[in-house]
Full PDB file with SEQRES, HELIX, SHEET, SSBOND, CRYST1, ORIGX, SCALE, CONECT and MASTER records, all heavy atoms in Angstrom:
SEQRES   1 A   33  GLN HIS GLU ALA GLN HIS ASP GLU THR MET LEU ALA THR          
SEQRES   2 A   33  HIS GLN LEU ARG ASP GLY PRO SER VAL LEU THR ALA GLN          
SEQRES   3 A   33  ARG PRO PRO PRO ALA ALA ILE                                  
HELIX    1 AA1 HIS A    2  LEU A   16  1                                  15    
CRYST1    1.000    1.000    1.000  90.00  90.00  90.00 P 1           1          
ORIGX1      1.000000  0.000000  0.000000        0.00000                         
ORIGX2      0.000000  1.000000  0.000000        0.00000                         
ORIGX3      0.000000  0.000000  1.000000        0.00000                         
SCALE1      1.000000  0.000000  0.000000        0.00000                         
SCALE2      0.000000  1.000000  0.000000        0.00000                         
SCALE3      0.000000  0.000000  1.000000        0.00000                         
ATOM      1  N   GLN A   1     -74.994  -5.465 -56.413  1.00  0.00           N  
ATOM      2  CA  GLN A   1     -74.976  -4.816 -55.106  1.00  0.00           C  
ATOM      3  C   GLN A   1     -76.166  -5.266 -54.261  1.00  0.00           C  
ATOM      4  O   GLN A   1     -76.041  -5.474 -53.046  1.00  0.00           O  
ATOM      5  CB  GLN A   1     -74.980  -3.296 -55.271  1.00  0.00           C  
ATOM      6  CG  GLN A   1     -73.672  -2.772 -55.860  1.00  0.00           C  
ATOM      7  CD  GLN A   1     -73.721  -1.285 -56.137  1.00  0.00           C  
ATOM      8  OE1 GLN A   1     -73.506  -0.475 -55.238  1.00  0.00           O  
ATOM      9  NE2 GLN A   1     -73.982  -0.912 -57.390  1.00  0.00           N  
ATOM     10  N   HIS A   2     -77.312  -5.409 -54.885  1.00  0.00           N  
ATOM     11  CA  HIS A   2     -78.491  -5.887 -54.163  1.00  0.00           C  
ATOM     12  C   HIS A   2     -78.248  -7.273 -53.576  1.00  0.00           C  
ATOM     13  O   HIS A   2     -78.558  -7.544 -52.407  1.00  0.00           O  
ATOM     14  CB  HIS A   2     -79.702  -5.918 -55.111  1.00  0.00           C  
ATOM     15  CG  HIS A   2     -80.928  -6.502 -54.504  1.00  0.00           C  
ATOM     16  ND1 HIS A   2     -81.277  -7.835 -54.667  1.00  0.00           N  
ATOM     17  CD2 HIS A   2     -81.889  -5.956 -53.726  1.00  0.00           C  
ATOM     18  CE1 HIS A   2     -82.390  -8.073 -54.015  1.00  0.00           C  
ATOM     19  NE2 HIS A   2     -82.795  -6.954 -53.439  1.00  0.00           N  
ATOM     20  N   GLU A   3     -77.682  -8.170 -54.363  1.00  0.00           N  
ATOM     21  CA  GLU A   3     -77.415  -9.512 -53.842  1.00  0.00           C  
ATOM     22  C   GLU A   3     -76.388  -9.462 -52.728  1.00  0.00           C  
ATOM     23  O   GLU A   3     -76.531 -10.154 -51.705  1.00  0.00           O  
ATOM     24  CB  GLU A   3     -76.948 -10.443 -54.960  1.00  0.00           C  
ATOM     25  CG  GLU A   3     -76.695 -11.858 -54.463  1.00  0.00           C  
ATOM     26  CD  GLU A   3     -76.682 -12.899 -55.566  1.00  0.00           C  
ATOM     27  OE1 GLU A   3     -76.918 -12.550 -56.750  1.00  0.00           O  
ATOM     28  OE2 GLU A   3     -76.462 -14.082 -55.241  1.00  0.00           O  
ATOM     29  N   ALA A   4     -75.359  -8.636 -52.890  1.00  0.00           N  
ATOM     30  CA  ALA A   4     -74.338  -8.514 -51.845  1.00  0.00           C  
ATOM     31  C   ALA A   4     -74.937  -8.003 -50.544  1.00  0.00           C  
ATOM     32  O   ALA A   4     -74.569  -8.455 -49.448  1.00  0.00           O  
ATOM     33  CB  ALA A   4     -73.223  -7.584 -52.317  1.00  0.00           C  
ATOM     34  N   GLN A   5     -75.882  -7.065 -50.638  1.00  0.00           N  
ATOM     35  CA  GLN A   5     -76.519  -6.545 -49.435  1.00  0.00           C  
ATOM     36  C   GLN A   5     -77.371  -7.614 -48.755  1.00  0.00           C  
ATOM     37  O   GLN A   5     -77.393  -7.710 -47.514  1.00  0.00           O  
ATOM     38  CB  GLN A   5     -77.362  -5.321 -49.793  1.00  0.00           C  
ATOM     39  CG  GLN A   5     -76.510  -4.101 -50.144  1.00  0.00           C  
ATOM     40  CD  GLN A   5     -77.338  -2.969 -50.742  1.00  0.00           C  
ATOM     41  OE1 GLN A   5     -78.083  -3.155 -51.703  1.00  0.00           O  
ATOM     42  NE2 GLN A   5     -77.212  -1.792 -50.174  1.00  0.00           N  
ATOM     43  N   HIS A   6     -78.054  -8.444 -49.539  1.00  0.00           N  
ATOM     44  CA  HIS A   6     -78.828  -9.524 -48.926  1.00  0.00           C  
ATOM     45  C   HIS A   6     -77.921 -10.633 -48.408  1.00  0.00           C  
ATOM     46  O   HIS A   6     -78.279 -11.315 -47.438  1.00  0.00           O  
ATOM     47  CB  HIS A   6     -79.869 -10.059 -49.907  1.00  0.00           C  
ATOM     48  CG  HIS A   6     -81.113  -9.236 -49.892  1.00  0.00           C  
ATOM     49  ND1 HIS A   6     -82.152  -9.467 -49.013  1.00  0.00           N  
ATOM     50  CD2 HIS A   6     -81.469  -8.145 -50.612  1.00  0.00           C  
ATOM     51  CE1 HIS A   6     -83.099  -8.565 -49.208  1.00  0.00           C  
ATOM     52  NE2 HIS A   6     -82.710  -7.748 -50.173  1.00  0.00           N  
ATOM     53  N   ASP A   7     -76.770 -10.815 -49.003  1.00  0.00           N  
ATOM     54  CA  ASP A   7     -75.807 -11.747 -48.426  1.00  0.00           C  
ATOM     55  C   ASP A   7     -75.420 -11.289 -47.026  1.00  0.00           C  
ATOM     56  O   ASP A   7     -75.304 -12.103 -46.098  1.00  0.00           O  
ATOM     57  CB  ASP A   7     -74.549 -11.835 -49.308  1.00  0.00           C  
ATOM     58  CG  ASP A   7     -74.776 -12.612 -50.577  1.00  0.00           C  
ATOM     59  OD1 ASP A   7     -75.782 -13.349 -50.677  1.00  0.00           O  
ATOM     60  OD2 ASP A   7     -73.936 -12.487 -51.507  1.00  0.00           O  
ATOM     61  N   GLU A   8     -75.217  -9.982 -46.872  1.00  0.00           N  
ATOM     62  CA  GLU A   8     -74.872  -9.459 -45.554  1.00  0.00           C  
ATOM     63  C   GLU A   8     -76.030  -9.630 -44.577  1.00  0.00           C  
ATOM     64  O   GLU A   8     -75.829  -9.945 -43.401  1.00  0.00           O  
ATOM     65  CB  GLU A   8     -74.471  -7.991 -45.664  1.00  0.00           C  
ATOM     66  CG  GLU A   8     -73.865  -7.444 -44.394  1.00  0.00           C  
ATOM     67  CD  GLU A   8     -73.359  -6.029 -44.531  1.00  0.00           C  
ATOM     68  OE1 GLU A   8     -73.603  -5.387 -45.582  1.00  0.00           O  
ATOM     69  OE2 GLU A   8     -72.724  -5.550 -43.581  1.00  0.00           O  
ATOM     70  N   THR A   9     -77.255  -9.444 -45.071  1.00  0.00           N  
ATOM     71  CA  THR A   9     -78.429  -9.657 -44.230  1.00  0.00           C  
ATOM     72  C   THR A   9     -78.522 -11.120 -43.798  1.00  0.00           C  
ATOM     73  O   THR A   9     -78.804 -11.427 -42.627  1.00  0.00           O  
ATOM     74  CB  THR A   9     -79.704  -9.256 -44.992  1.00  0.00           C  
ATOM     75  OG1 THR A   9     -79.633  -7.865 -45.316  1.00  0.00           O  
ATOM     76  CG2 THR A   9     -80.942  -9.513 -44.160  1.00  0.00           C  
ATOM     77  N   MET A  10     -78.293 -12.043 -44.729  1.00  0.00           N  
ATOM     78  CA  MET A  10     -78.325 -13.460 -44.371  1.00  0.00           C  
ATOM     79  C   MET A  10     -77.209 -13.804 -43.392  1.00  0.00           C  
ATOM     80  O   MET A  10     -77.384 -14.648 -42.501  1.00  0.00           O  
ATOM     81  CB  MET A  10     -78.234 -14.318 -45.632  1.00  0.00           C  
ATOM     82  CG  MET A  10     -79.481 -14.259 -46.500  1.00  0.00           C  
ATOM     83  SD  MET A  10     -79.519 -15.484 -47.846  1.00  0.00           S  
ATOM     84  CE  MET A  10     -78.283 -14.807 -48.959  1.00  0.00           C  
ATOM     85  N   LEU A  11     -76.067 -13.152 -43.538  1.00  0.00           N  
ATOM     86  CA  LEU A  11     -74.966 -13.379 -42.605  1.00  0.00           C  
ATOM     87  C   LEU A  11     -75.358 -12.936 -41.203  1.00  0.00           C  
ATOM     88  O   LEU A  11     -75.049 -13.613 -40.217  1.00  0.00           O  
ATOM     89  CB  LEU A  11     -73.725 -12.625 -43.086  1.00  0.00           C  
ATOM     90  CG  LEU A  11     -72.434 -12.852 -42.305  1.00  0.00           C  
ATOM     91  CD1 LEU A  11     -71.975 -14.295 -42.410  1.00  0.00           C  
ATOM     92  CD2 LEU A  11     -71.340 -11.915 -42.808  1.00  0.00           C  
ATOM     93  N   ALA A  12     -76.067 -11.807 -41.101  1.00  0.00           N  
ATOM     94  CA  ALA A  12     -76.559 -11.361 -39.800  1.00  0.00           C  
ATOM     95  C   ALA A  12     -77.544 -12.369 -39.210  1.00  0.00           C  
ATOM     96  O   ALA A  12     -77.557 -12.604 -37.989  1.00  0.00           O  
ATOM     97  CB  ALA A  12     -77.212  -9.994 -39.927  1.00  0.00           C  
ATOM     98  N   THR A  13     -78.356 -12.989 -40.056  1.00  0.00           N  
ATOM     99  CA  THR A  13     -79.274 -14.016 -39.574  1.00  0.00           C  
ATOM    100  C   THR A  13     -78.504 -15.238 -39.087  1.00  0.00           C  
ATOM    101  O   THR A  13     -78.875 -15.865 -38.080  1.00  0.00           O  
ATOM    102  CB  THR A  13     -80.272 -14.407 -40.676  1.00  0.00           C  
ATOM    103  OG1 THR A  13     -80.914 -13.230 -41.169  1.00  0.00           O  
ATOM    104  CG2 THR A  13     -81.328 -15.360 -40.150  1.00  0.00           C  
ATOM    105  N   HIS A  14     -77.436 -15.606 -39.774  1.00  0.00           N  
ATOM    106  CA  HIS A  14     -76.562 -16.682 -39.297  1.00  0.00           C  
ATOM    107  C   HIS A  14     -76.075 -16.383 -37.882  1.00  0.00           C  
ATOM    108  O   HIS A  14     -76.022 -17.265 -37.022  1.00  0.00           O  
ATOM    109  CB  HIS A  14     -75.349 -16.824 -40.217  1.00  0.00           C  
ATOM    110  CG  HIS A  14     -75.525 -17.801 -41.337  1.00  0.00           C  
ATOM    111  ND1 HIS A  14     -75.143 -19.119 -41.236  1.00  0.00           N  
ATOM    112  CD2 HIS A  14     -76.030 -17.652 -42.592  1.00  0.00           C  
ATOM    113  CE1 HIS A  14     -75.402 -19.748 -42.378  1.00  0.00           C  
ATOM    114  NE2 HIS A  14     -75.942 -18.877 -43.219  1.00  0.00           N  
ATOM    115  N   GLN A  15     -75.687 -15.136 -37.640  1.00  0.00           N  
ATOM    116  CA  GLN A  15     -75.188 -14.763 -36.323  1.00  0.00           C  
ATOM    117  C   GLN A  15     -76.283 -14.853 -35.265  1.00  0.00           C  
ATOM    118  O   GLN A  15     -76.017 -15.189 -34.107  1.00  0.00           O  
ATOM    119  CB  GLN A  15     -74.609 -13.345 -36.382  1.00  0.00           C  
ATOM    120  CG  GLN A  15     -74.225 -12.725 -35.056  1.00  0.00           C  
ATOM    121  CD  GLN A  15     -73.059 -13.411 -34.372  1.00  0.00           C  
ATOM    122  OE1 GLN A  15     -72.442 -14.332 -34.901  1.00  0.00           O  
ATOM    123  NE2 GLN A  15     -72.760 -12.981 -33.155  1.00  0.00           N  
ATOM    124  N   LEU A  16     -77.531 -14.597 -35.644  1.00  0.00           N  
ATOM    125  CA  LEU A  16     -78.645 -14.629 -34.704  1.00  0.00           C  
ATOM    126  C   LEU A  16     -79.172 -16.036 -34.426  1.00  0.00           C  
ATOM    127  O   LEU A  16     -79.848 -16.262 -33.425  1.00  0.00           O  
ATOM    128  CB  LEU A  16     -79.791 -13.758 -35.225  1.00  0.00           C  
ATOM    129  CG  LEU A  16     -79.581 -12.245 -35.149  1.00  0.00           C  
ATOM    130  CD1 LEU A  16     -80.570 -11.530 -36.068  1.00  0.00           C  
ATOM    131  CD2 LEU A  16     -79.718 -11.753 -33.713  1.00  0.00           C  
ATOM    132  N   ARG A  17     -78.910 -16.985 -35.326  1.00  0.00           N  
ATOM    133  CA  ARG A  17     -79.493 -18.312 -35.182  1.00  0.00           C  
ATOM    134  C   ARG A  17     -78.869 -19.068 -34.014  1.00  0.00           C  
ATOM    135  O   ARG A  17     -77.709 -18.867 -33.654  1.00  0.00           O  
ATOM    136  CB  ARG A  17     -79.335 -19.142 -36.471  1.00  0.00           C  
ATOM    137  CG  ARG A  17     -77.894 -19.444 -36.825  1.00  0.00           C  
ATOM    138  CD  ARG A  17     -77.775 -20.279 -38.105  1.00  0.00           C  
ATOM    139  NE  ARG A  17     -78.060 -21.669 -37.863  1.00  0.00           N  
ATOM    140  CZ  ARG A  17     -77.154 -22.553 -37.432  1.00  0.00           C  
ATOM    141  NH1 ARG A  17     -75.898 -22.182 -37.198  1.00  0.00           N  
ATOM    142  NH2 ARG A  17     -77.491 -23.812 -37.261  1.00  0.00           N  
ATOM    143  N   ASP A  18     -79.665 -19.936 -33.416  1.00  0.00           N  
ATOM    144  CA  ASP A  18     -79.158 -20.839 -32.381  1.00  0.00           C  
ATOM    145  C   ASP A  18     -78.560 -22.072 -33.048  1.00  0.00           C  
ATOM    146  O   ASP A  18     -78.897 -22.412 -34.176  1.00  0.00           O  
ATOM    147  CB  ASP A  18     -80.297 -21.260 -31.446  1.00  0.00           C  
ATOM    148  CG  ASP A  18     -80.838 -20.102 -30.638  1.00  0.00           C  
ATOM    149  OD1 ASP A  18     -80.040 -19.221 -30.273  1.00  0.00           O  
ATOM    150  OD2 ASP A  18     -82.058 -20.080 -30.393  1.00  0.00           O  
ATOM    151  N   GLY A  19     -77.695 -22.745 -32.305  1.00  0.00           N  
ATOM    152  CA  GLY A  19     -77.130 -23.976 -32.842  1.00  0.00           C  
ATOM    153  C   GLY A  19     -75.648 -23.862 -33.106  1.00  0.00           C  
ATOM    154  O   GLY A  19     -75.050 -22.784 -33.004  1.00  0.00           O  
ATOM    155  N   PRO A  20     -75.026 -24.970 -33.481  1.00  0.00           N  
ATOM    156  CA  PRO A  20     -73.577 -24.977 -33.713  1.00  0.00           C  
ATOM    157  C   PRO A  20     -73.187 -24.169 -34.934  1.00  0.00           C  
ATOM    158  O   PRO A  20     -74.005 -23.919 -35.828  1.00  0.00           O  
ATOM    159  CB  PRO A  20     -73.263 -26.471 -33.918  1.00  0.00           C  
ATOM    160  CG  PRO A  20     -74.558 -27.053 -34.404  1.00  0.00           C  
ATOM    161  CD  PRO A  20     -75.637 -26.290 -33.701  1.00  0.00           C  
ATOM    162  N   SER A  21     -71.945 -23.777 -34.967  1.00  0.00           N  
ATOM    163  CA  SER A  21     -71.430 -22.993 -36.083  1.00  0.00           C  
ATOM    164  C   SER A  21     -71.442 -23.804 -37.383  1.00  0.00           C  
ATOM    165  O   SER A  21     -71.117 -24.995 -37.385  1.00  0.00           O  
ATOM    166  CB  SER A  21     -69.997 -22.542 -35.789  1.00  0.00           C  
ATOM    167  OG  SER A  21     -69.447 -21.868 -36.889  1.00  0.00           O  
ATOM    168  N   VAL A  22     -71.830 -23.172 -38.468  1.00  0.00           N  
ATOM    169  CA  VAL A  22     -71.770 -23.810 -39.782  1.00  0.00           C  
ATOM    170  C   VAL A  22     -70.870 -23.030 -40.734  1.00  0.00           C  
ATOM    171  O   VAL A  22     -70.628 -23.467 -41.859  1.00  0.00           O  
ATOM    172  CB  VAL A  22     -73.177 -23.958 -40.402  1.00  0.00           C  
ATOM    173  CG1 VAL A  22     -74.035 -24.882 -39.563  1.00  0.00           C  
ATOM    174  CG2 VAL A  22     -73.856 -22.597 -40.584  1.00  0.00           C  
ATOM    175  N   LEU A  23     -70.389 -21.866 -40.291  1.00  0.00           N  
ATOM    176  CA  LEU A  23     -69.482 -21.056 -41.102  1.00  0.00           C  
ATOM    177  C   LEU A  23     -68.092 -21.097 -40.478  1.00  0.00           C  
ATOM    178  O   LEU A  23     -67.948 -21.025 -39.255  1.00  0.00           O  
ATOM    179  CB  LEU A  23     -69.960 -19.604 -41.174  1.00  0.00           C  
ATOM    180  CG  LEU A  23     -71.329 -19.354 -41.807  1.00  0.00           C  
ATOM    181  CD1 LEU A  23     -71.698 -17.883 -41.675  1.00  0.00           C  
ATOM    182  CD2 LEU A  23     -71.335 -19.774 -43.268  1.00  0.00           C  
ATOM    183  N   THR A  24     -67.089 -21.202 -41.311  1.00  0.00           N  
ATOM    184  CA  THR A  24     -65.715 -21.223 -40.823  1.00  0.00           C  
ATOM    185  C   THR A  24     -64.856 -20.286 -41.651  1.00  0.00           C  
ATOM    186  O   THR A  24     -65.128 -20.038 -42.824  1.00  0.00           O  
ATOM    187  CB  THR A  24     -65.112 -22.637 -40.888  1.00  0.00           C  
ATOM    188  OG1 THR A  24     -65.132 -23.086 -42.257  1.00  0.00           O  
ATOM    189  CG2 THR A  24     -65.901 -23.609 -40.019  1.00  0.00           C  
ATOM    190  N   ALA A  25     -63.831 -19.760 -41.012  1.00  0.00           N  
ATOM    191  CA  ALA A  25     -62.850 -18.916 -41.699  1.00  0.00           C  
ATOM    192  C   ALA A  25     -61.630 -18.807 -40.798  1.00  0.00           C  
ATOM    193  O   ALA A  25     -61.717 -18.999 -39.583  1.00  0.00           O  
ATOM    194  CB  ALA A  25     -63.421 -17.524 -41.992  1.00  0.00           C  
ATOM    195  N   GLN A  26     -60.506 -18.483 -41.395  1.00  0.00           N  
ATOM    196  CA  GLN A  26     -59.301 -18.314 -40.603  1.00  0.00           C  
ATOM    197  C   GLN A  26     -59.388 -17.030 -39.793  1.00  0.00           C  
ATOM    198  O   GLN A  26     -60.169 -16.131 -40.094  1.00  0.00           O  
ATOM    199  CB  GLN A  26     -58.068 -18.272 -41.500  1.00  0.00           C  
ATOM    200  CG  GLN A  26     -58.037 -17.087 -42.452  1.00  0.00           C  
ATOM    201  CD  GLN A  26     -56.899 -17.175 -43.440  1.00  0.00           C  
ATOM    202  OE1 GLN A  26     -56.806 -18.110 -44.204  1.00  0.00           O  
ATOM    203  NE2 GLN A  26     -56.032 -16.175 -43.423  1.00  0.00           N  
ATOM    204  N   ARG A  27     -58.594 -16.949 -38.737  1.00  0.00           N  
ATOM    205  CA  ARG A  27     -58.517 -15.739 -37.926  1.00  0.00           C  
ATOM    206  C   ARG A  27     -57.732 -14.664 -38.663  1.00  0.00           C  
ATOM    207  O   ARG A  27     -56.817 -14.973 -39.434  1.00  0.00           O  
ATOM    208  CB  ARG A  27     -57.827 -16.040 -36.601  1.00  0.00           C  
ATOM    209  CG  ARG A  27     -58.642 -16.933 -35.682  1.00  0.00           C  
ATOM    210  CD  ARG A  27     -59.610 -16.106 -34.862  1.00  0.00           C  
ATOM    211  NE  ARG A  27     -60.341 -16.921 -33.916  1.00  0.00           N  
ATOM    212  CZ  ARG A  27     -61.164 -16.430 -32.985  1.00  0.00           C  
ATOM    213  NH1 ARG A  27     -61.351 -15.125 -32.918  1.00  0.00           N  
ATOM    214  NH2 ARG A  27     -61.801 -17.224 -32.172  1.00  0.00           N  
ATOM    215  N   PRO A  28     -58.037 -13.393 -38.422  1.00  0.00           N  
ATOM    216  CA  PRO A  28     -57.206 -12.345 -39.020  1.00  0.00           C  
ATOM    217  C   PRO A  28     -55.778 -12.435 -38.510  1.00  0.00           C  
ATOM    218  O   PRO A  28     -55.544 -12.833 -37.363  1.00  0.00           O  
ATOM    219  CB  PRO A  28     -57.874 -11.046 -38.548  1.00  0.00           C  
ATOM    220  CG  PRO A  28     -59.241 -11.434 -38.111  1.00  0.00           C  
ATOM    221  CD  PRO A  28     -59.131 -12.844 -37.620  1.00  0.00           C  
ATOM    222  N   PRO A  29     -54.812 -12.080 -39.328  1.00  0.00           N  
ATOM    223  CA  PRO A  29     -53.429 -12.063 -38.859  1.00  0.00           C  
ATOM    224  C   PRO A  29     -53.209 -10.924 -37.876  1.00  0.00           C  
ATOM    225  O   PRO A  29     -54.055 -10.029 -37.756  1.00  0.00           O  
ATOM    226  CB  PRO A  29     -52.636 -11.842 -40.152  1.00  0.00           C  
ATOM    227  CG  PRO A  29     -53.584 -11.126 -41.060  1.00  0.00           C  
ATOM    228  CD  PRO A  29     -54.941 -11.674 -40.735  1.00  0.00           C  
ATOM    229  N   PRO A  30     -52.087 -10.931 -37.160  1.00  0.00           N  
ATOM    230  CA  PRO A  30     -51.790  -9.814 -36.249  1.00  0.00           C  
ATOM    231  C   PRO A  30     -51.709  -8.490 -37.001  1.00  0.00           C  
ATOM    232  O   PRO A  30     -51.488  -8.457 -38.216  1.00  0.00           O  
ATOM    233  CB  PRO A  30     -50.425 -10.201 -35.656  1.00  0.00           C  
ATOM    234  CG  PRO A  30     -50.315 -11.671 -35.867  1.00  0.00           C  
ATOM    235  CD  PRO A  30     -51.059 -11.971 -37.130  1.00  0.00           C  
ATOM    236  N   ALA A  31     -51.894  -7.414 -36.268  1.00  0.00           N  
ATOM    237  CA  ALA A  31     -51.830  -6.085 -36.875  1.00  0.00           C  
ATOM    238  C   ALA A  31     -50.473  -5.850 -37.525  1.00  0.00           C  
ATOM    239  O   ALA A  31     -49.439  -6.319 -37.043  1.00  0.00           O  
ATOM    240  CB  ALA A  31     -52.105  -5.016 -35.823  1.00  0.00           C  
ATOM    241  N   ALA A  32     -50.491  -5.115 -38.629  1.00  0.00           N  
ATOM    242  CA  ALA A  32     -49.250  -4.830 -39.352  1.00  0.00           C  
ATOM    243  C   ALA A  32     -48.415  -3.758 -38.670  1.00  0.00           C  
ATOM    244  O   ALA A  32     -47.195  -3.728 -38.814  1.00  0.00           O  
ATOM    245  CB  ALA A  32     -49.583  -4.412 -40.781  1.00  0.00           C  
ATOM    246  N   ILE A  33     -49.094  -2.862 -37.954  1.00  0.00           N  
ATOM    247  CA  ILE A  33     -48.381  -1.814 -37.224  1.00  0.00           C  
ATOM    248  C   ILE A  33     -48.924  -1.739 -35.805  1.00  0.00           C  
ATOM    249  O   ILE A  33     -50.049  -2.141 -35.529  1.00  0.00           O  
ATOM    250  CB  ILE A  33     -48.511  -0.436 -37.903  1.00  0.00           C  
ATOM    251  CG1 ILE A  33     -49.979   0.009 -37.944  1.00  0.00           C  
ATOM    252  CG2 ILE A  33     -47.911  -0.447 -39.295  1.00  0.00           C  
ATOM    253  CD1 ILE A  33     -50.164   1.451 -38.393  1.00  0.00           C  
TER     254      ILE A  33                                                      
MASTER        0    0    0    1    0    0    0    6  253    1    0    3          
END                                                                             
């Protein structure tokens, strides 16, 4: 859990950093309802 929480902290730092995107993921699908 500690590592998972720091992963989230590092992810927030990724969002704050300047520069081009280095993380990729597919878009969420449309809502089910």
